[in-house]
PDB file of N, CA and C in Angstrom:
ATOM      1  N   UNK A   1      81.003 182.619  58.024  1.00  0.00           N
ATOM      2  CA  UNK A   1      81.860 182.035  59.016  1.00  0.00           C
ATOM      3  C   UNK A   1      82.592 180.834  58.408  1.00  0.00           C
ATOM      4  N   UNK A   2      83.872 180.731  58.708  1.00  0.00           N
ATOM      5  CA  UNK A   2      84.693 179.655  58.156  1.00  0.00           C
ATOM      6  C   UNK A   2      84.394 178.322  58.843  1.00  0.00           C
ATOM      7  N   UNK A   3      84.580 177.273  58.092  1.00  0.00           N
ATOM      8  CA  UNK A   3      84.368 175.928  58.609  1.00  0.00           C
ATOM      9  C   UNK A   3      85.359 175.621  59.730  1.00  0.00           C
ATOM     10  N   UNK A   4      84.862 175.054  60.800  1.00  0.00           N
ATOM     11  CA  UNK A   4      85.694 174.618  61.915  1.00  0.00           C
ATOM     12  C   UNK A   4      85.565 173.103  62.027  1.00  0.00           C
ATOM     13  N   UNK A   5      86.651 172.369  61.832  1.00  0.00           N
ATOM     14  CA  UNK A   5      86.571 170.911  61.940  1.00  0.00           C
ATOM     15  C   UNK A   5      86.118 170.491  63.338  1.00  0.00           C
ATOM     16  N   UNK A   6      85.468 169.352  63.438  1.00  0.00           N
ATOM     17  CA  UNK A   6      85.027 168.886  64.760  1.00  0.00           C
ATOM     18  C   UNK A   6      86.228 168.558  65.644  1.00  0.00           C
ATOM     19  N   UNK A   7      86.109 168.892  66.911  1.00  0.00           N
ATOM     20  CA  UNK A   7      87.162 168.565  67.873  1.00  0.00           C
ATOM     21  C   UNK A   7      86.906 167.177  68.446  1.00  0.00           C
ATOM     22  N   UNK A   8      87.884 166.678  69.147  1.00  0.00           N
ATOM     23  CA  UNK A   8      87.725 165.384  69.823  1.00  0.00           C
ATOM     24  C   UNK A   8      86.574 165.473  70.823  1.00  0.00           C
ATOM     25  N   UNK A   9      86.479 166.595  71.528  1.00  0.00           N
ATOM     26  CA  UNK A   9      85.388 166.774  72.501  1.00  0.00           C
ATOM     27  C   UNK A   9      84.031 166.761  71.805  1.00  0.00           C
ATOM     28  N   UNK A  10      83.921 167.430  70.646  1.00  0.00           N
ATOM     29  CA  UNK A  10      82.674 167.412  69.869  1.00  0.00           C
ATOM     30  C   UNK A  10      82.304 165.978  69.501  1.00  0.00           C
ATOM     31  N   UNK A  11      83.296 165.243  69.040  1.00  0.00           N
ATOM     32  CA  UNK A  11      83.083 163.871  68.598  1.00  0.00           C
ATOM     33  C   UNK A  11      82.604 162.984  69.752  1.00  0.00           C
ATOM     34  N   UNK A  12      83.292 163.074  70.874  1.00  0.00           N
ATOM     35  CA  UNK A  12      82.937 162.217  72.011  1.00  0.00           C
ATOM     36  C   UNK A  12      81.587 162.597  72.616  1.00  0.00           C
ATOM     37  N   UNK A  13      81.217 163.868  72.506  1.00  0.00           N
ATOM     38  CA  UNK A  13      79.898 164.285  72.982  1.00  0.00           C
ATOM     39  C   UNK A  13      78.807 163.659  72.117  1.00  0.00           C
ATOM     40  N   UNK A  14      79.031 163.619  70.819  1.00  0.00           N
ATOM     41  CA  UNK A  14      78.043 163.059  69.891  1.00  0.00           C
ATOM     42  C   UNK A  14      78.019 161.534  69.921  1.00  0.00           C
ATOM     43  N   UNK A  15      79.200 160.926  70.117  1.00  0.00           N
ATOM     44  CA  UNK A  15      79.325 159.472  70.068  1.00  0.00           C
ATOM     45  C   UNK A  15      80.003 158.960  71.343  1.00  0.00           C
ATOM     46  N   UNK A  16      79.241 158.802  72.415  1.00  0.00           N
ATOM     47  CA  UNK A  16      79.834 158.385  73.696  1.00  0.00           C
ATOM     48  C   UNK A  16      80.431 156.979  73.677  1.00  0.00           C
ATOM     49  N   UNK A  17      80.161 156.189  72.680  1.00  0.00           N
ATOM     50  CA  UNK A  17      80.766 154.857  72.591  1.00  0.00           C
ATOM     51  C   UNK A  17      82.284 154.926  72.438  1.00  0.00           C
ATOM     52  N   UNK A  18      82.803 156.126  72.159  1.00  0.00           N
ATOM     53  CA  UNK A  18      84.244 156.296  71.966  1.00  0.00           C
ATOM     54  C   UNK A  18      84.891 157.102  73.092  1.00  0.00           C
ATOM     55  N   UNK A  19      84.164 157.302  74.200  1.00  0.00           N
ATOM     56  CA  UNK A  19      84.691 158.080  75.327  1.00  0.00           C
ATOM     57  C   UNK A  19      86.010 157.544  75.863  1.00  0.00           C
ATOM     58  N   UNK A  20      86.167 156.233  75.895  1.00  0.00           N
ATOM     59  CA  UNK A  20      87.367 155.631  76.471  1.00  0.00           C
ATOM     60  C   UNK A  20      88.557 155.599  75.501  1.00  0.00           C
ATOM     61  N   UNK A  21      88.329 155.991  74.262  1.00  0.00           N
ATOM     62  CA  UNK A  21      89.403 155.977  73.268  1.00  0.00           C
ATOM     63  C   UNK A  21      90.306 157.185  73.504  1.00  0.00           C
ATOM     64  N   UNK A  22      91.603 156.949  73.420  1.00  0.00           N
ATOM     65  CA  UNK A  22      92.593 158.001  73.610  1.00  0.00           C
ATOM     66  C   UNK A  22      92.329 159.173  72.654  1.00  0.00           C
ATOM     67  N   UNK A  23      92.397 160.395  73.180  1.00  0.00           N
ATOM     68  CA  UNK A  23      92.105 161.593  72.385  1.00  0.00           C
ATOM     69  C   UNK A  23      92.973 161.701  71.135  1.00  0.00           C
ATOM     70  N   UNK A  24      94.245 161.367  71.248  1.00  0.00           N
ATOM     71  CA  UNK A  24      95.142 161.458  70.090  1.00  0.00           C
ATOM     72  C   UNK A  24      94.712 160.489  68.988  1.00  0.00           C
ATOM     73  N   UNK A  25      94.241 159.329  69.406  1.00  0.00           N
ATOM     74  CA  UNK A  25      93.779 158.343  68.424  1.00  0.00           C
ATOM     75  C   UNK A  25      92.526 158.835  67.717  1.00  0.00           C
ATOM     76  N   UNK A  26      91.593 159.388  68.471  1.00  0.00           N
ATOM     77  CA  UNK A  26      90.373 159.948  67.871  1.00  0.00           C
ATOM     78  C   UNK A  26      90.739 161.080  66.918  1.00  0.00           C
ATOM     79  N   UNK A  27      91.663 161.943  67.336  1.00  0.00           N
ATOM     80  CA  UNK A  27      92.081 163.071  66.483  1.00  0.00           C
ATOM     81  C   UNK A  27      92.644 162.570  65.158  1.00  0.00           C
ATOM     82  N   UNK A  28      93.384 161.488  65.193  1.00  0.00           N
ATOM     83  CA  UNK A  28      93.923 160.917  63.957  1.00  0.00           C
ATOM     84  C   UNK A  28      92.828 160.443  63.025  1.00  0.00           C
ATOM     85  N   UNK A  29      91.824 159.778  63.574  1.00  0.00           N
ATOM     86  CA  UNK A  29      90.710 159.323  62.748  1.00  0.00           C
ATOM     87  C   UNK A  29      89.906 160.507  62.203  1.00  0.00           C
ATOM     88  N   UNK A  30      89.742 161.550  63.009  1.00  0.00           N
ATOM     89  CA  UNK A  30      89.034 162.746  62.518  1.00  0.00           C
ATOM     90  C   UNK A  30      89.815 163.396  61.380  1.00  0.00           C
ATOM     91  N   UNK A  31      91.139 163.450  61.506  1.00  0.00           N
ATOM     92  CA  UNK A  31      91.973 164.004  60.431  1.00  0.00           C
ATOM     93  C   UNK A  31      91.830 163.185  59.156  1.00  0.00           C
ATOM     94  N   UNK A  32      91.874 161.861  59.292  1.00  0.00           N
ATOM     95  CA  UNK A  32      91.735 160.992  58.119  1.00  0.00           C
ATOM     96  C   UNK A  32      90.369 161.148  57.461  1.00  0.00           C
ATOM     97  N   UNK A  33      89.339 161.362  58.274  1.00  0.00           N
ATOM     98  CA  UNK A  33      87.966 161.451  57.763  1.00  0.00           C
ATOM     99  C   UNK A  33      87.656 162.804  57.132  1.00  0.00           C
ATOM    100  N   UNK A  34      88.538 163.767  57.305  1.00  0.00           N
ATOM    101  CA  UNK A  34      88.271 165.131  56.828  1.00  0.00           C
ATOM    102  C   UNK A  34      88.031 165.202  55.326  1.00  0.00           C
ATOM    103  N   UNK A  35      88.499 164.234  54.571  1.00  0.00           N
ATOM    104  CA  UNK A  35      88.349 164.274  53.115  1.00  0.00           C
ATOM    105  C   UNK A  35      86.976 163.825  52.628  1.00  0.00           C
ATOM    106  N   UNK A  36      86.125 163.350  53.539  1.00  0.00           N
ATOM    107  CA  UNK A  36      84.815 162.842  53.128  1.00  0.00           C
ATOM    108  C   UNK A  36      83.904 163.956  52.603  1.00  0.00           C
ATOM    109  N   UNK A  37      84.145 165.180  53.031  1.00  0.00           N
ATOM    110  CA  UNK A  37      83.301 166.313  52.597  1.00  0.00           C
ATOM    111  C   UNK A  37      84.191 167.524  52.346  1.00  0.00           C
ATOM    112  N   UNK A  38      83.780 168.346  51.387  1.00  0.00           N
ATOM    113  CA  UNK A  38      84.587 169.507  51.048  1.00  0.00           C
ATOM    114  C   UNK A  38      83.827 170.810  51.282  1.00  0.00           C
ATOM    115  N   UNK A  39      84.363 171.908  50.762  1.00  0.00           N
ATOM    116  CA  UNK A  39      83.773 173.234  50.966  1.00  0.00           C
ATOM    117  C   UNK A  39      82.384 173.383  50.355  1.00  0.00           C
ATOM    118  N   UNK A  40      81.985 172.474  49.479  1.00  0.00           N
ATOM    119  CA  UNK A  40      80.664 172.546  48.869  1.00  0.00           C
ATOM    120  C   UNK A  40      79.536 172.122  49.807  1.00  0.00           C
ATOM    121  N   UNK A  41      79.883 171.552  50.943  1.00  0.00           N
ATOM    122  CA  UNK A  41      78.894 171.116  51.930  1.00  0.00           C
ATOM    123  C   UNK A  41      78.604 172.252  52.900  1.00  0.00           C
ATOM    124  N   UNK A  42      77.412 172.250  53.468  1.00  0.00           N
ATOM    125  CA  UNK A  42      77.134 173.192  54.550  1.00  0.00           C
ATOM    126  C   UNK A  42      78.040 172.819  55.717  1.00  0.00           C
ATOM    127  N   UNK A  43      78.373 173.790  56.554  1.00  0.00           N
ATOM    128  CA  UNK A  43      79.271 173.514  57.678  1.00  0.00           C
ATOM    129  C   UNK A  43      78.729 172.420  58.594  1.00  0.00           C
ATOM    130  N   UNK A  44      77.430 172.461  58.887  1.00  0.00           N
ATOM    131  CA  UNK A  44      76.831 171.465  59.787  1.00  0.00           C
ATOM    132  C   UNK A  44      76.894 170.069  59.180  1.00  0.00           C
ATOM    133  N   UNK A  45      76.538 169.933  57.897  1.00  0.00           N
ATOM    134  CA  UNK A  45      76.586 168.628  57.243  1.00  0.00           C
ATOM    135  C   UNK A  45      78.019 168.126  57.119  1.00  0.00           C
ATOM    136  N   UNK A  46      78.942 169.037  56.853  1.00  0.00           N
ATOM    137  CA  UNK A  46      80.347 168.652  56.713  1.00  0.00           C
ATOM    138  C   UNK A  46      80.890 168.109  58.037  1.00  0.00           C
ATOM    139  N   UNK A  47      80.606 168.811  59.131  1.00  0.00           N
ATOM    140  CA  UNK A  47      81.061 168.351  60.455  1.00  0.00           C
ATOM    141  C   UNK A  47      80.451 166.987  60.779  1.00  0.00           C
ATOM    142  N   UNK A  48      79.165 166.842  60.488  1.00  0.00           N
ATOM    143  CA  UNK A  48      78.481 165.572  60.755  1.00  0.00           C
ATOM    144  C   UNK A  48      79.094 164.455  59.923  1.00  0.00           C
ATOM    145  N   UNK A  49      79.351 164.723  58.654  1.00  0.00           N
ATOM    146  CA  UNK A  49      79.928 163.714  57.763  1.00  0.00           C
ATOM    147  C   UNK A  49      81.312 163.273  58.247  1.00  0.00           C
ATOM    148  N   UNK A  50      82.126 164.211  58.649  1.00  0.00           N
ATOM    149  CA  UNK A  50      83.472 163.881  59.126  1.00  0.00           C
ATOM    150  C   UNK A  50      83.389 163.021  60.384  1.00  0.00           C
ATOM    151  N   UNK A  51      82.518 163.391  61.309  1.00  0.00           N
ATOM    152  CA  UNK A  51      82.387 162.606  62.540  1.00  0.00           C
ATOM    153  C   UNK A  51      81.829 161.209  62.255  1.00  0.00           C
ATOM    154  N   UNK A  52      80.847 161.114  61.357  1.00  0.00           N
ATOM    155  CA  UNK A  52      80.292 159.802  61.017  1.00  0.00           C
ATOM    156  C   UNK A  52      81.335 158.913  60.346  1.00  0.00           C
ATOM    157  N   UNK A  53      82.145 159.494  59.460  1.00  0.00           N
ATOM    158  CA  UNK A  53      83.190 158.712  58.794  1.00  0.00           C
ATOM    159  C   UNK A  53      84.202 158.212  59.815  1.00  0.00           C
ATOM    160  N   UNK A  54      84.618 159.070  60.741  1.00  0.00           N
ATOM    161  CA  UNK A  54      85.575 158.662  61.778  1.00  0.00           C
ATOM    162  C   UNK A  54      84.985 157.567  62.658  1.00  0.00           C
ATOM    163  N   UNK A  55      83.720 157.697  63.043  1.00  0.00           N
ATOM    164  CA  UNK A  55      83.062 156.687  63.872  1.00  0.00           C
ATOM    165  C   UNK A  55      82.976 155.356  63.117  1.00  0.00           C
ATOM    166  N   UNK A  56      82.641 155.425  61.840  1.00  0.00           N
ATOM    167  CA  UNK A  56      82.568 154.217  61.009  1.00  0.00           C
ATOM    168  C   UNK A  56      83.940 153.546  60.935  1.00  0.00           C
ATOM    169  N   UNK A  57      84.977 154.339  60.661  1.00  0.00           N
ATOM    170  CA  UNK A  57      86.324 153.785  60.524  1.00  0.00           C
ATOM    171  C   UNK A  57      86.792 153.131  61.825  1.00  0.00           C
ATOM    172  N   UNK A  58      86.536 153.787  62.958  1.00  0.00           N
ATOM    173  CA  UNK A  58      86.943 153.210  64.237  1.00  0.00           C
ATOM    174  C   UNK A  58      86.162 151.935  64.532  1.00  0.00           C
ATOM    175  N   UNK A  59      84.878 151.953  64.248  1.00  0.00           N
ATOM    176  CA  UNK A  59      84.037 150.782  64.515  1.00  0.00           C
ATOM    177  C   UNK A  59      84.497 149.578  63.715  1.00  0.00           C
ATOM    178  N   UNK A  60      84.822 149.778  62.444  1.00  0.00           N
ATOM    179  CA  UNK A  60      85.252 148.651  61.618  1.00  0.00           C
ATOM    180  C   UNK A  60      86.587 148.085  62.078  1.00  0.00           C
ATOM    181  N   UNK A  61      87.327 148.846  62.856  1.00  0.00           N
ATOM    182  CA  UNK A  61      88.600 148.382  63.414  1.00  0.00           C
ATOM    183  C   UNK A  61      88.452 147.863  64.842  1.00  0.00           C
ATOM    184  N   UNK A  62      87.210 147.779  65.319  1.00  0.00           N
ATOM    185  CA  UNK A  62      86.963 147.243  66.648  1.00  0.00           C
ATOM    186  C   UNK A  62      87.280 148.207  67.770  1.00  0.00           C
ATOM    187  N   UNK A  63      87.266 149.488  67.476  1.00  0.00           N
ATOM    188  CA  UNK A  63      87.559 150.523  68.474  1.00  0.00           C
ATOM    189  C   UNK A  63      86.238 151.088  68.978  1.00  0.00           C
ATOM    190  N   UNK A  64      86.087 151.200  70.280  1.00  0.00           N
ATOM    191  CA  UNK A  64      84.864 151.720  70.875  1.00  0.00           C
ATOM    192  C   UNK A  64      84.138 150.639  71.656  1.00  0.00           C
ATOM    193  N   UNK A  65      83.021 151.035  72.266  1.00  0.00           N
ATOM    194  CA  UNK A  65      82.301 150.100  73.126  1.00  0.00           C
ATOM    195  C   UNK A  65      80.968 149.645  72.551  1.00  0.00           C
ATOM    196  N   UNK A  66      80.620 150.048  71.366  1.00  0.00           N
ATOM    197  CA  UNK A  66      79.347 149.652  70.776  1.00  0.00           C
ATOM    198  C   UNK A  66      79.338 148.197  70.345  1.00  0.00           C
ATOM    199  N   UNK A  67      78.148 147.668  70.119  1.00  0.00           N
ATOM    200  CA  UNK A  67      77.983 146.274  69.704  1.00  0.00           C
ATOM    201  C   UNK A  67      78.699 145.989  68.387  1.00  0.00           C
ATOM    202  N   UNK A  68      78.630 146.933  67.452  1.00  0.00           N
ATOM    203  CA  UNK A  68      79.293 146.716  66.162  1.00  0.00           C
ATOM    204  C   UNK A  68      80.809 146.659  66.325  1.00  0.00           C
ATOM    205  N   UNK A  69      81.362 147.492  67.199  1.00  0.00           N
ATOM    206  CA  UNK A  69      82.804 147.460  67.457  1.00  0.00           C
ATOM    207  C   UNK A  69      83.194 146.133  68.092  1.00  0.00           C
ATOM    208  N   UNK A  70      82.344 145.630  68.980  1.00  0.00           N
ATOM    209  CA  UNK A  70      82.618 144.331  69.611  1.00  0.00           C
ATOM    210  C   UNK A  70      82.598 143.221  68.565  1.00  0.00           C
ATOM    211  N   UNK A  71      81.650 143.286  67.636  1.00  0.00           N
ATOM    212  CA  UNK A  71      81.614 142.295  66.556  1.00  0.00           C
ATOM    213  C   UNK A  71      82.866 142.397  65.694  1.00  0.00           C
ATOM    214  N   UNK A  72      83.298 143.609  65.401  1.00  0.00           N
ATOM    215  CA  UNK A  72      84.500 143.803  64.598  1.00  0.00           C
ATOM    216  C   UNK A  72      85.728 143.245  65.325  1.00  0.00           C
ATOM    217  N   UNK A  73      85.811 143.463  66.644  1.00  0.00           N
ATOM    218  CA  UNK A  73      86.921 142.903  67.431  1.00  0.00           C
ATOM    219  C   UNK A  73      86.955 141.389  67.321  1.00  0.00           C
ATOM    220  N   UNK A  74      85.780 140.786  67.277  1.00  0.00           N
ATOM    221  CA  UNK A  74      85.682 139.330  67.190  1.00  0.00           C
ATOM    222  C   UNK A  74      85.820 138.834  65.750  1.00  0.00           C
ATOM    223  N   UNK A  75      85.981 139.763  64.803  1.00  0.00           N
ATOM    224  CA  UNK A  75      86.088 139.387  63.401  1.00  0.00           C
ATOM    225  C   UNK A  75      84.766 138.973  62.796  1.00  0.00           C
ATOM    226  N   UNK A  76      83.662 139.444  63.381  1.00  0.00           N
ATOM    227  CA  UNK A  76      82.344 138.994  62.937  1.00  0.00           C
ATOM    228  C   UNK A  76      81.478 140.115  62.385  1.00  0.00           C
ATOM    229  N   UNK A  77      82.057 141.274  62.081  1.00  0.00           N
ATOM    230  CA  UNK A  77      81.236 142.396  61.615  1.00  0.00           C
ATOM    231  C   UNK A  77      80.527 142.083  60.310  1.00  0.00           C
ATOM    232  N   UNK A  78      81.179 141.438  59.374  1.00  0.00           N
ATOM    233  CA  UNK A  78      80.547 141.116  58.093  1.00  0.00           C
ATOM    234  C   UNK A  78      80.078 139.676  58.031  1.00  0.00           C
ATOM    235  N   UNK A  79      79.561 139.174  59.119  1.00  0.00           N
ATOM    236  CA  UNK A  79      79.239 137.755  59.231  1.00  0.00           C
ATOM    237  C   UNK A  79      78.074 137.313  58.350  1.00  0.00           C
ATOM    238  N   UNK A  80      78.122 136.064  57.962  1.00  0.00           N
ATOM    239  CA  UNK A  80      76.986 135.393  57.332  1.00  0.00           C
ATOM    240  C   UNK A  80      76.241 134.621  58.409  1.00  0.00           C
ATOM    241  N   UNK A  81      77.003 134.020  59.308  1.00  0.00           N
ATOM    242  CA  UNK A  81      76.413 133.290  60.418  1.00  0.00           C
ATOM    243  C   UNK A  81      77.376 133.394  61.588  1.00  0.00           C
ATOM    244  N   UNK A  82      76.837 133.649  62.773  1.00  0.00           N
ATOM    245  CA  UNK A  82      77.650 133.815  63.969  1.00  0.00           C
ATOM    246  C   UNK A  82      76.948 133.101  65.102  1.00  0.00           C
ATOM    247  N   UNK A  83      77.665 132.204  65.768  1.00  0.00           N
ATOM    248  CA  UNK A  83      77.050 131.437  66.850  1.00  0.00           C
ATOM    249  C   UNK A  83      77.904 131.550  68.097  1.00  0.00           C
ATOM    250  N   UNK A  84      77.251 131.851  69.210  1.00  0.00           N
ATOM    251  CA  UNK A  84      77.903 131.902  70.514  1.00  0.00           C
ATOM    252  C   UNK A  84      76.942 131.283  71.513  1.00  0.00           C
ATOM    253  N   UNK A  85      77.280 130.095  72.001  1.00  0.00           N
ATOM    254  CA  UNK A  85      76.356 129.398  72.898  1.00  0.00           C
ATOM    255  C   UNK A  85      75.065 129.088  72.167  1.00  0.00           C
ATOM    256  N   UNK A  86      73.950 129.532  72.738  1.00  0.00           N
ATOM    257  CA  UNK A  86      72.663 129.298  72.105  1.00  0.00           C
ATOM    258  C   UNK A  86      72.248 130.426  71.170  1.00  0.00           C
ATOM    259  N   UNK A  87      73.041 131.500  71.142  1.00  0.00           N
ATOM    260  CA  UNK A  87      72.738 132.630  70.254  1.00  0.00           C
ATOM    261  C   UNK A  87      73.303 132.367  68.874  1.00  0.00           C
ATOM    262  N   UNK A  88      72.463 132.493  67.868  1.00  0.00           N
ATOM    263  CA  UNK A  88      72.925 132.377  66.492  1.00  0.00           C
ATOM    264  C   UNK A  88      72.385 133.558  65.703  1.00  0.00           C
ATOM    265  N   UNK A  89      73.294 134.244  65.004  1.00  0.00           N
ATOM    266  CA  UNK A  89      72.919 135.394  64.183  1.00  0.00           C
ATOM    267  C   UNK A  89      73.302 135.110  62.743  1.00  0.00           C
ATOM    268  N   UNK A  90      72.433 135.450  61.817  1.00  0.00           N
ATOM    269  CA  UNK A  90      72.693 135.294  60.392  1.00  0.00           C
ATOM    270  C   UNK A  90      72.456 136.627  59.710  1.00  0.00           C
ATOM    271  N   UNK A  91      73.298 136.933  58.779  1.00  0.00           N
ATOM    272  CA  UNK A  91      73.095 138.139  57.979  1.00  0.00           C
ATOM    273  C   UNK A  91      72.761 137.691  56.574  1.00  0.00           C
ATOM    274  N   UNK A  92      71.638 138.150  56.059  1.00  0.00           N
ATOM    275  CA  UNK A  92      71.218 137.697  54.739  1.00  0.00           C
ATOM    276  C   UNK A  92      71.977 138.437  53.654  1.00  0.00           C
ATOM    277  N   UNK A  93      72.126 137.787  52.529  1.00  0.00           N
ATOM    278  CA  UNK A  93      72.747 138.424  51.380  1.00  0.00           C
ATOM    279  C   UNK A  93      71.909 139.592  50.894  1.00  0.00           C
ATOM    280  N   UNK A  94      70.587 139.549  51.130  1.00  0.00           N
ATOM    281  CA  UNK A  94      69.721 140.619  50.649  1.00  0.00           C
ATOM    282  C   UNK A  94      69.993 141.928  51.369  1.00  0.00           C
ATOM    283  N   UNK A  95      70.452 141.881  52.640  1.00  0.00           N
ATOM    284  CA  UNK A  95      70.768 143.114  53.362  1.00  0.00           C
ATOM    285  C   UNK A  95      71.954 143.806  52.715  1.00  0.00           C
ATOM    286  N   UNK A  96      72.964 143.039  52.360  1.00  0.00           N
ATOM    287  CA  UNK A  96      74.131 143.621  51.691  1.00  0.00           C
ATOM    288  C   UNK A  96      73.759 144.124  50.301  1.00  0.00           C
ATOM    289  N   UNK A  97      72.925 143.364  49.593  1.00  0.00           N
ATOM    290  CA  UNK A  97      72.511 143.773  48.250  1.00  0.00           C
ATOM    291  C   UNK A  97      71.672 145.037  48.301  1.00  0.00           C
ATOM    292  N   UNK A  98      70.811 145.157  49.318  1.00  0.00           N
ATOM    293  CA  UNK A  98      69.965 146.344  49.448  1.00  0.00           C
ATOM    294  C   UNK A  98      70.806 147.586  49.662  1.00  0.00           C
ATOM    295  N   UNK A  99      71.956 147.415  50.287  1.00  0.00           N
ATOM    296  CA  UNK A  99      72.845 148.549  50.522  1.00  0.00           C
ATOM    297  C   UNK A  99      73.705 148.832  49.302  1.00  0.00           C
ATOM    298  N   UNK A 100      73.532 148.059  48.242  1.00  0.00           N
ATOM    299  CA  UNK A 100      74.316 148.279  47.037  1.00  0.00           C
ATOM    300  C   UNK A 100      75.758 147.822  47.194  1.00  0.00           C
ATOM    301  N   UNK A 101      76.017 147.007  48.204  1.00  0.00           N
ATOM    302  CA  UNK A 101      77.369 146.530  48.420  1.00  0.00           C
ATOM    303  C   UNK A 101      78.318 147.597  48.933  1.00  0.00           C
ATOM    304  N   UNK A 102      77.816 148.750  49.332  1.00  0.00           N
ATOM    305  CA  UNK A 102      78.657 149.843  49.802  1.00  0.00           C
ATOM    306  C   UNK A 102      79.240 149.493  51.164  1.00  0.00           C
ATOM    307  N   UNK A 103      80.563 149.593  51.320  1.00  0.00           N
ATOM    308  CA  UNK A 103      81.177 149.267  52.603  1.00  0.00           C
ATOM    309  C   UNK A 103      80.681 150.149  53.749  1.00  0.00           C
ATOM    310  N   UNK A 104      80.211 151.351  53.451  1.00  0.00           N
ATOM    311  CA  UNK A 104      79.678 152.215  54.504  1.00  0.00           C
ATOM    312  C   UNK A 104      78.458 151.597  55.176  1.00  0.00           C
ATOM    313  N   UNK A 105      77.742 150.775  54.455  1.00  0.00           N
ATOM    314  CA  UNK A 105      76.533 150.171  55.008  1.00  0.00           C
ATOM    315  C   UNK A 105      76.845 149.132  56.078  1.00  0.00           C
ATOM    316  N   UNK A 106      78.127 148.852  56.313  1.00  0.00           N
ATOM    317  CA  UNK A 106      78.520 147.847  57.281  1.00  0.00           C
ATOM    318  C   UNK A 106      78.369 148.251  58.736  1.00  0.00           C
ATOM    319  N   UNK A 107      78.188 149.547  59.011  1.00  0.00           N
ATOM    320  CA  UNK A 107      77.964 150.015  60.379  1.00  0.00           C
ATOM    321  C   UNK A 107      76.805 151.002  60.382  1.00  0.00           C
ATOM    322  N   UNK A 108      76.239 151.221  61.550  1.00  0.00           N
ATOM    323  CA  UNK A 108      75.149 152.201  61.665  1.00  0.00           C
ATOM    324  C   UNK A 108      75.664 153.602  61.334  1.00  0.00           C
ATOM    325  N   UNK A 109      76.911 153.895  61.731  1.00  0.00           N
ATOM    326  CA  UNK A 109      77.485 155.217  61.443  1.00  0.00           C
ATOM    327  C   UNK A 109      77.668 155.397  59.936  1.00  0.00           C
ATOM    328  N   UNK A 110      78.169 154.366  59.281  1.00  0.00           N
ATOM    329  CA  UNK A 110      78.363 154.431  57.837  1.00  0.00           C
ATOM    330  C   UNK A 110      77.046 154.536  57.090  1.00  0.00           C
ATOM    331  N   UNK A 111      76.033 153.803  57.569  1.00  0.00           N
ATOM    332  CA  UNK A 111      74.716 153.867  56.926  1.00  0.00           C
ATOM    333  C   UNK A 111      74.129 155.273  57.042  1.00  0.00           C
ATOM    334  N   UNK A 112      74.328 155.909  58.199  1.00  0.00           N
ATOM    335  CA  UNK A 112      73.838 157.281  58.377  1.00  0.00           C
ATOM    336  C   UNK A 112      74.599 158.240  57.463  1.00  0.00           C
ATOM    337  N   UNK A 113      75.904 158.034  57.325  1.00  0.00           N
ATOM    338  CA  UNK A 113      76.703 158.861  56.418  1.00  0.00           C
ATOM    339  C   UNK A 113      76.249 158.645  54.977  1.00  0.00           C
ATOM    340  N   UNK A 114      76.019 157.414  54.611  1.00  0.00           N
ATOM    341  CA  UNK A 114      75.557 157.100  53.259  1.00  0.00           C
ATOM    342  C   UNK A 114      74.234 157.802  52.962  1.00  0.00           C
ATOM    343  N   UNK A 115      73.319 157.811  53.931  1.00  0.00           N
ATOM    344  CA  UNK A 115      72.041 158.516  53.758  1.00  0.00           C
ATOM    345  C   UNK A 115      72.261 160.011  53.600  1.00  0.00           C
ATOM    346  N   UNK A 116      73.192 160.568  54.362  1.00  0.00           N
ATOM    347  CA  UNK A 116      73.502 162.000  54.252  1.00  0.00           C
ATOM    348  C   UNK A 116      74.077 162.319  52.873  1.00  0.00           C
ATOM    349  N   UNK A 117      74.987 161.485  52.404  1.00  0.00           N
ATOM    350  CA  UNK A 117      75.582 161.689  51.076  1.00  0.00           C
ATOM    351  C   UNK A 117      74.504 161.598  49.998  1.00  0.00           C
ATOM    352  N   UNK A 118      73.655 160.593  50.107  1.00  0.00           N
ATOM    353  CA  UNK A 118      72.596 160.419  49.095  1.00  0.00           C
ATOM    354  C   UNK A 118      71.596 161.567  49.115  1.00  0.00           C
ATOM    355  N   UNK A 119      71.366 162.168  50.282  1.00  0.00           N
ATOM    356  CA  UNK A 119      70.439 163.306  50.346  1.00  0.00           C
ATOM    357  C   UNK A 119      71.046 164.538  49.677  1.00  0.00           C
ATOM    358  N   UNK A 120      72.357 164.622  49.701  1.00  0.00           N
ATOM    359  CA  UNK A 120      73.033 165.762  49.068  1.00  0.00           C
ATOM    360  C   UNK A 120      73.238 165.553  47.578  1.00  0.00           C
ATOM    361  N   UNK A 121      73.395 164.294  47.167  1.00  0.00           N
ATOM    362  CA  UNK A 121      73.680 163.971  45.783  1.00  0.00           C
ATOM    363  C   UNK A 121      72.709 162.896  45.301  1.00  0.00           C
ATOM    364  N   UNK A 122      71.443 163.273  45.096  1.00  0.00           N
ATOM    365  CA  UNK A 122      70.462 162.272  44.673  1.00  0.00           C
ATOM    366  C   UNK A 122      70.831 161.697  43.308  1.00  0.00           C
ATOM    367  N   UNK A 123      70.355 160.505  43.059  1.00  0.00           N
ATOM    368  CA  UNK A 123      70.635 159.849  41.780  1.00  0.00           C
ATOM    369  C   UNK A 123      70.058 160.631  40.627  1.00  0.00           C
ATOM    370  N   UNK A 124      70.622 160.432  39.472  1.00  0.00           N
ATOM    371  CA  UNK A 124      70.171 161.100  38.263  1.00  0.00           C
ATOM    372  C   UNK A 124      69.076 160.262  37.624  1.00  0.00           C
ATOM    373  N   UNK A 125      67.994 160.901  37.240  1.00  0.00           N
ATOM    374  CA  UNK A 125      66.915 160.189  36.572  1.00  0.00           C
ATOM    375  C   UNK A 125      67.080 160.358  35.076  1.00  0.00           C
ATOM    376  N   UNK A 126      67.067 159.251  34.385  1.00  0.00           N
ATOM    377  CA  UNK A 126      67.179 159.261  32.927  1.00  0.00           C
ATOM    378  C   UNK A 126      65.822 158.898  32.365  1.00  0.00           C
ATOM    379  N   UNK A 127      65.350 159.723  31.426  1.00  0.00           N
ATOM    380  CA  UNK A 127      64.057 159.466  30.812  1.00  0.00           C
ATOM    381  C   UNK A 127      64.244 159.069  29.370  1.00  0.00           C
TER     382      UNK A 127
END
């Protein structure tokens, strides 16, 4: 069976934080994300990867209703320290270093995509 790209409805069913986003806008992000995986991936993993990439891209632009999107809207997604009233949040340098500095690690969607990519392409062991 041939690969079928995820539809906007598929995407919104999986990621309800983007329900209020205009369908045409979501479709554009899905189109842009299509290059994250190719024919060498299983159809299920490829669809998942494309949707995760689109969700990551939208979140980093402050699109959607999730907490990470709200932080991105406020310009605080990659914060070192963030204070609002009595709430103070700090992000340690070790968290970024543990992720290898990969920009995908900046959102939960990107981190999940990164794990999927790493499971498909494990590191090479040199002896």
